[in-house]
Amino acid sequence: MATYSVHLHLLSMLLTLSDSGVRVLGAGLGINYGQIADNLPSPSRVSVMLQSLDVSRLKLYDADPKVLQAFSNSSVEFIVGIGNEYLQDMADPVKAQNWVQQHLQPYLAQTKITCISVGNEVFMSNDTQLWSNLLPAMKMVHNTLVNLGLDKQVIVTTAHPFTIIGNSYPPSSGTFRQDIIEYMHAILDFHSQTKSPFLINAYPFFAYKDNPDQIPLDYVLFQPNEGMTDPNTNLHYDNMLYAQVDAVYSAIKAIGHTDIEVKISETGWPSKGDPTEVGSTLQNAELYHSNLLKRIQQKQGTPAKPSVPVDIYVFALFNENLKPGPTSERNYGLFYPDGTPVFNIRLQGNLPGIIYSSASNIKALSTFTLVISVLAYLIHA
């Protein structure tokens, strides 16, 4: 009987330790769940893995029913996406309603879907017709949600590339590109009216890769550095990501809005790249993500918005082996498809739920697996 009590105490300790550690990672962390790969674990396995790590927010690039079903009755909140190829259709009220009723409504009772991102990085393309289709699609999807009584539950937005910013230095002088000003005026009016956030995909890696001789590596990796001071505001910046966010706030303010929150819908650092992709190393990826997660945990705001914690979605959950483009595109994942971490993100010890036996032999062990193992031990003891 005494032995059994010891075993129960051991289980209690393990659960307590895993729970307390797990929340270090999950606090405020969003992750992009891309699936351009042929070797990823099933959504049901991903659900167990992420809930054991207490990851509370996921962003999809579609509305994959297998994923939404796998996370039913969980606490995970979802942003679902509508691809650029559907923007013209979404401007049609019948097609927009069909999409919402087919891809959203059936899952709302059991899965927390809080946002629809209509289109992705539309202004990255040179297709002005696509530019023109974006806002009508956003409006029609929103109107559909209003008509179905879902607009208080699900908001509508879109994710922009950082290239929408024409000038970003200093942050207080941030402005949008001149060729998209008229579109941004109307989109920002929509955000203001619907109280939805402005999403930006911000990657300091790209800036460093293109100018490694001019941009200090420590500045983009959140490492100790001299930083820069905005000459107009005297605000000091110790990292590029926050400077980019404040440049977006300045661009929004320059065309008349101060009531819209900027959120980072993507940021990350590749663990591998082509020889020309300067800085794309495992060590830099580990530093970027571990330092970023510390900032998220501290609920930091930017120098211009110190009381507003920066809301961040990291890109991406897994390495995606079928993504086109340079080598880096297939190496942004926090995890390999088999569930092992790509690098060691240290936050108050090791990443919760993962045991590191050595730098070259990193084994993933979720809290779920840990608990099952202990229960099995208790049963057979």
Protein backbone atom coordinates (compact mmCIF):
# COMPACT_ATOMS: atom_id res chain seq x y z
CA MET A 1 0.00 0.00 0.00
CA ALA A 2 2.86 2.37 0.83
CA THR A 3 4.48 1.58 -2.52
CA TYR A 4 1.20 2.35 -4.30
CA SER A 5 1.02 5.72 -2.50
CA VAL A 6 4.55 6.52 -3.61
CA HIS A 7 3.55 5.68 -7.18
CA LEU A 8 0.52 7.97 -6.97
CA HIS A 9 2.69 10.73 -5.56
CA LEU A 10 5.12 10.24 -8.47
CA LEU A 11 2.26 10.55 -10.96
CA SER A 12 1.00 13.69 -9.21
CA MET A 13 4.47 15.24 -9.33
CA LEU A 14 4.88 14.43 -13.01
CA LEU A 15 1.51 15.93 -13.85
CA THR A 16 2.27 19.04 -11.81
CA LEU A 17 5.71 19.48 -13.34
CA SER A 18 4.48 18.91 -16.87
CA ASP A 19 1.55 21.30 -16.42
CA SER A 20 3.68 24.06 -14.93
CA GLY A 21 6.32 23.69 -17.63
CA VAL A 22 3.91 23.35 -20.49
CA ARG A 23 2.31 26.70 -19.86
CA VAL A 24 5.64 28.42 -20.43
CA LEU A 25 5.42 27.53 -24.11
CA GLY A 26 1.70 27.94 -24.58
CA ALA A 27 1.29 31.40 -23.04
CA GLY A 28 0.26 33.70 -25.86
CA LEU A 29 1.79 31.55 -28.59
CA GLY A 30 0.11 31.13 -31.95
CA ILE A 31 1.47 28.80 -34.63
CA ASN A 32 0.82 28.55 -38.36
CA TYR A 33 -0.18 25.00 -39.29
CA GLY A 34 0.83 24.63 -42.94
CA GLN A 35 0.35 21.32 -44.72
CA ILE A 36 2.24 21.55 -48.02
CA ALA A 37 3.91 18.19 -47.41
CA ASP A 38 3.35 14.46 -47.95
CA ASN A 39 4.87 13.21 -44.70
CA LEU A 40 3.01 15.03 -41.90
CA PRO A 41 1.36 13.28 -38.96
CA SER A 42 -2.42 12.99 -38.98
CA PRO A 43 -4.40 15.94 -37.58
CA SER A 44 -5.57 13.75 -34.68
CA ARG A 45 -1.96 13.08 -33.66
CA VAL A 46 -1.12 16.76 -34.07
CA SER A 47 -4.05 17.60 -31.80
CA VAL A 48 -2.69 15.41 -28.99
CA MET A 49 0.80 16.82 -29.45
CA LEU A 50 -0.22 20.47 -29.38
CA GLN A 51 -2.66 20.14 -26.50
CA SER A 52 0.08 18.45 -24.46
CA LEU A 53 2.25 21.50 -25.17
CA ASP A 54 -0.65 23.82 -24.27
CA VAL A 55 -0.49 25.62 -27.62
CA SER A 56 -3.69 27.62 -27.61
CA ARG A 57 -3.93 29.16 -31.08
CA LEU A 58 -3.49 27.83 -34.62
CA LYS A 59 -3.71 29.50 -38.00
CA LEU A 60 -4.69 27.47 -41.05
CA TYR A 61 -4.42 28.46 -44.70
CA ASP A 62 -7.74 26.76 -45.49
CA ALA A 63 -10.58 25.27 -43.46
CA ASP A 64 -9.46 21.64 -43.50
CA PRO A 65 -12.36 19.63 -42.02
CA LYS A 66 -10.00 16.89 -40.75
CA VAL A 67 -8.08 19.44 -38.69
CA LEU A 68 -11.20 21.18 -37.38
CA GLN A 69 -12.72 17.83 -36.38
CA ALA A 70 -9.48 16.66 -34.75
CA PHE A 71 -9.49 19.71 -32.46
CA SER A 72 -13.17 19.53 -31.52
CA ASN A 73 -13.84 19.95 -27.80
CA SER A 74 -10.33 21.36 -27.31
CA SER A 75 -9.34 24.82 -26.06
CA VAL A 76 -7.42 25.65 -29.26
CA GLU A 77 -8.60 28.75 -31.14
CA PHE A 78 -8.43 28.79 -34.94
CA ILE A 79 -7.91 31.28 -37.69
CA VAL A 80 -9.11 29.60 -40.90
CA GLY A 81 -8.21 30.79 -44.37
CA ILE A 82 -9.82 31.34 -47.74
CA GLY A 83 -7.29 31.08 -50.57
CA ASN A 84 -6.63 33.83 -53.11
CA GLU A 85 -8.12 31.65 -55.84
CA TYR A 86 -11.54 31.99 -54.19
CA LEU A 87 -11.62 35.77 -53.75
CA GLN A 88 -13.70 36.47 -56.85
CA ASP A 89 -16.23 33.81 -55.80
CA MET A 90 -16.47 35.23 -52.27
CA ALA A 91 -17.76 38.54 -53.62
CA ASP A 92 -20.90 36.64 -54.68
CA PRO A 93 -23.42 36.50 -51.77
CA VAL A 94 -24.63 32.99 -52.66
CA LYS A 95 -21.12 31.55 -52.94
CA ALA A 96 -19.98 33.31 -49.77
CA GLN A 97 -22.95 31.91 -47.85
CA ASN A 98 -22.33 28.43 -49.26
CA TRP A 99 -18.70 28.61 -48.12
CA VAL A 100 -19.60 29.69 -44.59
CA GLN A 101 -22.36 27.08 -44.28
CA GLN A 102 -20.16 24.29 -45.63
CA HIS A 103 -16.71 25.09 -44.20
CA LEU A 104 -17.46 27.00 -41.00
CA GLN A 105 -20.89 26.45 -39.47
CA PRO A 106 -20.72 22.64 -39.08
CA TYR A 107 -17.67 22.95 -36.80
CA LEU A 108 -18.49 26.01 -34.70
CA ALA A 109 -20.36 24.12 -31.98
CA GLN A 110 -17.31 22.03 -31.05
CA THR A 111 -14.25 23.83 -32.47
CA LYS A 112 -13.24 27.38 -31.52
CA ILE A 113 -13.01 29.22 -34.84
CA THR A 114 -12.63 32.92 -34.08
CA CYS A 115 -11.35 34.43 -37.32
CA ILE A 116 -11.43 34.03 -41.11
CA SER A 117 -8.42 35.31 -43.05
CA VAL A 118 -9.74 36.11 -46.52
CA GLY A 119 -6.82 35.83 -48.94
CA ASN A 120 -3.13 35.70 -48.08
CA GLU A 121 -0.44 38.23 -49.04
CA VAL A 122 -2.57 39.52 -51.93
CA PHE A 123 -0.36 42.59 -52.43
CA MET A 124 2.70 40.38 -52.90
CA SER A 125 1.44 39.69 -56.44
CA ASN A 126 1.29 42.12 -59.34
CA ASP A 127 -2.27 41.06 -60.14
CA THR A 128 -4.31 44.24 -59.75
CA GLN A 129 -7.50 42.31 -60.37
CA LEU A 130 -6.70 40.23 -57.30
CA TRP A 131 -6.09 43.47 -55.38
CA SER A 132 -9.52 44.70 -56.44
CA ASN A 133 -11.20 41.43 -55.41
CA LEU A 134 -9.83 41.42 -51.86
CA LEU A 135 -12.03 43.96 -50.05
CA PRO A 136 -15.33 42.93 -51.74
CA ALA A 137 -14.60 39.36 -50.66
CA MET A 138 -13.84 40.42 -47.08
CA LYS A 139 -17.01 42.50 -46.92
CA MET A 140 -19.22 39.76 -48.34
CA VAL A 141 -17.88 37.11 -45.95
CA HIS A 142 -18.44 39.53 -43.06
CA ASN A 143 -21.97 40.33 -44.27
CA THR A 144 -22.69 36.61 -44.50
CA LEU A 145 -21.59 36.17 -40.89
CA VAL A 146 -23.85 39.07 -39.88
CA ASN A 147 -26.82 37.52 -41.69
CA LEU A 148 -26.21 34.18 -39.98
CA GLY A 149 -25.74 35.78 -36.56
CA LEU A 150 -22.09 34.73 -36.36
CA ASP A 151 -20.27 38.08 -36.63
CA LYS A 152 -19.82 38.43 -32.86
CA GLN A 153 -18.20 34.99 -32.79
CA VAL A 154 -16.03 35.14 -35.92
CA ILE A 155 -14.17 38.17 -37.27
CA VAL A 156 -12.87 38.75 -40.81
CA THR A 157 -9.42 40.00 -41.80
CA THR A 158 -6.57 39.27 -44.23
CA ALA A 159 -2.82 38.75 -43.88
CA HIS A 160 -0.45 41.16 -45.64
CA PRO A 161 3.23 40.80 -46.58
CA PHE A 162 5.57 43.35 -45.01
CA THR A 163 6.29 44.56 -48.57
CA ILE A 164 3.10 46.67 -48.35
CA ILE A 165 5.29 49.11 -46.41
CA GLY A 166 7.08 51.51 -48.73
CA ASN A 167 9.19 53.16 -46.03
CA SER A 168 9.93 51.53 -42.66
CA TYR A 169 12.87 53.58 -41.32
CA PRO A 170 12.67 55.12 -38.88
CA PRO A 171 9.55 53.37 -37.54
CA SER A 172 7.78 56.67 -36.90
CA SER A 173 8.04 57.47 -40.63
CA GLY A 174 6.42 54.22 -41.78
CA THR A 175 4.23 54.58 -44.88
CA PHE A 176 2.40 52.24 -47.25
CA ARG A 177 3.52 51.78 -50.85
CA GLN A 178 2.06 54.49 -53.07
CA ASP A 179 0.59 52.00 -55.55
CA ILE A 180 -1.70 50.46 -52.90
CA ILE A 181 -2.68 53.53 -50.86
CA GLU A 182 -6.25 53.64 -52.21
CA TYR A 183 -6.75 49.96 -51.36
CA MET A 184 -5.32 50.38 -47.87
CA HIS A 185 -7.62 53.33 -47.16
CA ALA A 186 -10.69 51.19 -47.86
CA ILE A 187 -9.35 48.09 -46.08
CA LEU A 188 -8.52 50.10 -42.95
CA ASP A 189 -12.00 51.64 -42.97
CA PHE A 190 -13.36 48.07 -42.97
CA HIS A 191 -11.14 47.09 -40.01
CA SER A 192 -12.22 50.18 -38.12
CA GLN A 193 -15.91 49.50 -38.73
CA THR A 194 -15.73 45.79 -37.84
CA LYS A 195 -13.14 46.14 -35.04
CA SER A 196 -10.94 43.49 -36.66
CA PRO A 197 -7.12 43.36 -36.46
CA PHE A 198 -4.62 44.22 -39.18
CA LEU A 199 -2.41 41.18 -39.85
CA ILE A 200 1.17 41.50 -41.06
CA ASN A 201 3.69 38.79 -42.00
CA ALA A 202 7.01 40.14 -40.71
CA TYR A 203 10.33 38.36 -41.23
CA PRO A 204 13.51 40.14 -40.09
CA PHE A 205 15.32 37.21 -41.74
CA PHE A 206 14.52 38.59 -45.19
CA ALA A 207 15.95 42.01 -44.34
CA TYR A 208 19.12 40.45 -42.90
CA LYS A 209 19.55 38.02 -45.82
CA ASP A 210 19.43 40.91 -48.29
CA ASN A 211 21.72 43.24 -46.30
CA PRO A 212 23.95 41.19 -43.96
CA ASP A 213 26.71 43.82 -44.07
CA GLN A 214 24.43 46.66 -42.96
CA ILE A 215 22.08 44.96 -40.50
CA PRO A 216 23.57 43.58 -37.25
CA LEU A 217 22.68 39.92 -36.75
CA ASP A 218 22.13 40.45 -33.01
CA TYR A 219 19.53 43.12 -33.80
CA VAL A 220 17.38 40.72 -35.83
CA LEU A 221 17.85 37.79 -33.42
CA PHE A 222 16.79 39.66 -30.22
CA GLN A 223 20.32 39.26 -28.88
CA PRO A 224 21.98 41.97 -26.74
CA ASN A 225 22.94 44.86 -29.04
CA GLU A 226 23.13 48.65 -29.22
CA GLY A 227 19.89 48.84 -31.17
CA MET A 228 18.66 52.05 -32.77
CA THR A 229 16.87 55.18 -31.62
CA ASP A 230 14.11 56.72 -33.68
CA PRO A 231 15.25 60.34 -34.19
CA ASN A 232 11.64 61.59 -34.35
CA THR A 233 10.36 59.97 -31.16
CA ASN A 234 13.55 59.12 -29.21
CA LEU A 235 12.12 55.61 -28.79
CA HIS A 236 14.79 52.93 -28.57
CA TYR A 237 14.52 49.65 -30.50
CA ASP A 238 16.58 46.60 -29.57
CA ASN A 239 15.14 44.34 -32.29
CA MET A 240 13.92 44.67 -35.87
CA LEU A 241 10.58 42.87 -35.45
CA TYR A 242 9.20 45.49 -33.06
CA ALA A 243 10.51 48.26 -35.32
CA GLN A 244 8.62 46.67 -38.22
CA VAL A 245 5.39 46.50 -36.21
CA ASP A 246 5.67 50.16 -35.21
CA ALA A 247 6.37 51.12 -38.84
CA VAL A 248 3.04 49.48 -39.72
CA TYR A 249 1.28 51.40 -36.93
CA SER A 250 2.80 54.62 -38.32
CA ALA A 251 1.64 53.80 -41.84
CA ILE A 252 -1.89 53.17 -40.56
CA LYS A 253 -1.84 56.43 -38.61
CA ALA A 254 -0.58 58.32 -41.68
CA ILE A 255 -3.83 57.59 -43.47
CA GLY A 256 -6.05 58.47 -40.57
CA HIS A 257 -6.51 55.51 -38.21
CA THR A 258 -5.40 55.03 -34.61
CA ASP A 259 -8.06 52.50 -33.60
CA ILE A 260 -6.72 49.34 -35.30
CA GLU A 261 -4.51 46.73 -33.65
CA VAL A 262 -1.60 45.26 -35.59
CA LYS A 263 -0.93 41.56 -35.10
CA ILE A 264 1.88 39.42 -36.51
CA SER A 265 0.28 36.61 -38.49
CA GLU A 266 3.63 35.11 -39.49
CA THR A 267 7.20 35.39 -38.33
CA GLY A 268 10.00 32.87 -38.14
CA TRP A 269 13.54 31.94 -39.12
CA PRO A 270 14.63 29.01 -41.33
CA SER A 271 16.95 26.37 -39.90
CA LYS A 272 18.46 25.63 -43.32
CA GLY A 273 18.78 27.47 -46.62
CA ASP A 274 20.67 27.79 -49.87
CA PRO A 275 24.27 29.11 -49.80
CA THR A 276 22.93 32.49 -50.94
CA GLU A 277 20.44 32.66 -48.06
CA VAL A 278 22.76 34.28 -45.54
CA GLY A 279 21.91 33.53 -41.91
CA SER A 280 19.69 30.49 -42.51
CA THR A 281 21.29 28.24 -39.90
CA LEU A 282 20.07 25.98 -37.13
CA GLN A 283 21.80 28.13 -34.50
CA ASN A 284 20.17 31.36 -35.72
CA ALA A 285 16.74 29.72 -35.93
CA GLU A 286 17.10 28.52 -32.34
CA LEU A 287 18.15 31.96 -31.11
CA TYR A 288 15.37 33.77 -32.98
CA HIS A 289 12.60 31.51 -31.73
CA SER A 290 13.82 31.09 -28.15
CA ASN A 291 14.33 34.83 -27.72
CA LEU A 292 10.98 35.58 -29.38
CA LEU A 293 9.17 33.15 -27.08
CA LYS A 294 10.68 34.87 -24.05
CA ARG A 295 9.28 38.18 -25.29
CA ILE A 296 5.86 36.59 -25.82
CA GLN A 297 5.94 35.14 -22.32
CA GLN A 298 6.76 38.59 -20.91
CA LYS A 299 3.76 40.03 -22.83
CA GLN A 300 5.91 42.82 -24.17
CA GLY A 301 4.57 45.67 -26.24
CA THR A 302 6.53 47.63 -28.84
CA PRO A 303 8.24 50.91 -27.91
CA ALA A 304 5.38 52.88 -29.51
CA LYS A 305 2.65 50.65 -28.00
CA PRO A 306 4.18 49.45 -24.69
CA SER A 307 0.82 48.60 -23.10
CA VAL A 308 -0.32 46.40 -26.03
CA PRO A 309 1.38 42.95 -25.94
CA VAL A 310 2.49 41.96 -29.43
CA ASP A 311 0.21 39.19 -30.68
CA ILE A 312 2.34 36.73 -32.65
CA TYR A 313 1.83 33.61 -34.78
CA VAL A 314 5.07 31.76 -35.46
CA PHE A 315 5.66 30.18 -38.87
CA ALA A 316 5.52 27.23 -38.88
CA LEU A 317 4.56 24.08 -37.01
CA PHE A 318 6.34 21.57 -39.29
CA ASN A 319 8.93 21.59 -42.03
CA GLU A 320 6.95 21.25 -45.27
CA ASN A 321 8.80 19.20 -47.87
CA LEU A 322 6.64 20.09 -50.89
CA LYS A 323 6.86 23.87 -50.64
CA PRO A 324 8.34 25.40 -53.80
CA GLY A 325 11.12 27.97 -53.83
CA PRO A 326 14.53 28.11 -52.12
CA THR A 327 15.63 25.57 -49.51
CA SER A 328 14.59 27.87 -46.65
CA GLU A 329 10.92 27.57 -47.66
CA ARG A 330 10.96 23.89 -46.62
CA ASN A 331 12.77 24.53 -43.34
CA TYR A 332 10.75 26.99 -41.23
CA GLY A 333 9.26 24.35 -38.95
CA LEU A 334 9.55 24.15 -35.18
CA PHE A 335 9.18 20.38 -35.57
CA TYR A 336 10.13 17.67 -38.04
CA PRO A 337 7.19 15.65 -39.37
CA ASP A 338 7.99 12.83 -36.90
CA GLY A 339 7.34 15.19 -33.99
CA THR A 340 10.96 15.76 -32.95
CA PRO A 341 11.93 19.40 -32.46
CA VAL A 342 14.16 20.99 -35.09
CA PHE A 343 16.05 22.91 -32.40
CA ASN A 344 16.07 23.35 -28.65
CA ILE A 345 13.91 26.29 -27.57
CA ARG A 346 14.97 26.99 -23.99
CA LEU A 347 12.43 28.64 -21.71
CA GLN A 348 12.97 28.04 -17.99
CA GLY A 349 14.67 24.79 -18.90
CA ASN A 350 13.85 22.71 -21.92
CA LEU A 351 10.82 22.98 -24.14
CA PRO A 352 7.98 21.41 -22.12
CA GLY A 353 7.08 17.87 -23.02
CA ILE A 354 10.44 17.19 -24.70
CA ILE A 355 13.46 15.35 -23.35
CA TYR A 356 16.89 16.28 -24.74
CA SER A 357 19.36 13.43 -24.35
CA SER A 358 22.06 15.20 -26.38
CA ALA A 359 22.42 17.88 -29.02
CA SER A 360 22.53 15.22 -31.75
CA ASN A 361 19.82 12.99 -30.33
CA ILE A 362 16.69 14.98 -29.55
CA LYS A 363 13.68 12.88 -28.63
CA ALA A 364 10.14 14.18 -28.42
CA LEU A 365 7.95 12.96 -25.58
CA SER A 366 4.59 14.64 -25.13
CA THR A 367 2.94 15.07 -21.76
CA PHE A 368 0.26 12.70 -22.99
CA THR A 369 2.84 9.95 -23.58
CA LEU A 370 4.45 10.64 -20.23
CA VAL A 371 1.18 10.27 -18.35
CA ILE A 372 0.24 7.09 -20.23
CA SER A 373 3.66 5.61 -19.44
CA VAL A 374 3.31 6.35 -15.74
CA LEU A 375 -0.25 4.97 -15.65
CA ALA A 376 0.96 1.77 -17.30
CA TYR A 377 3.71 1.52 -14.70
CA LEU A 378 1.22 1.97 -11.87
CA ILE A 379 -1.11 -0.69 -13.26
CA HIS A 380 1.64 -3.29 -13.52
CA ALA A 381 3.49 -2.35 -10.34
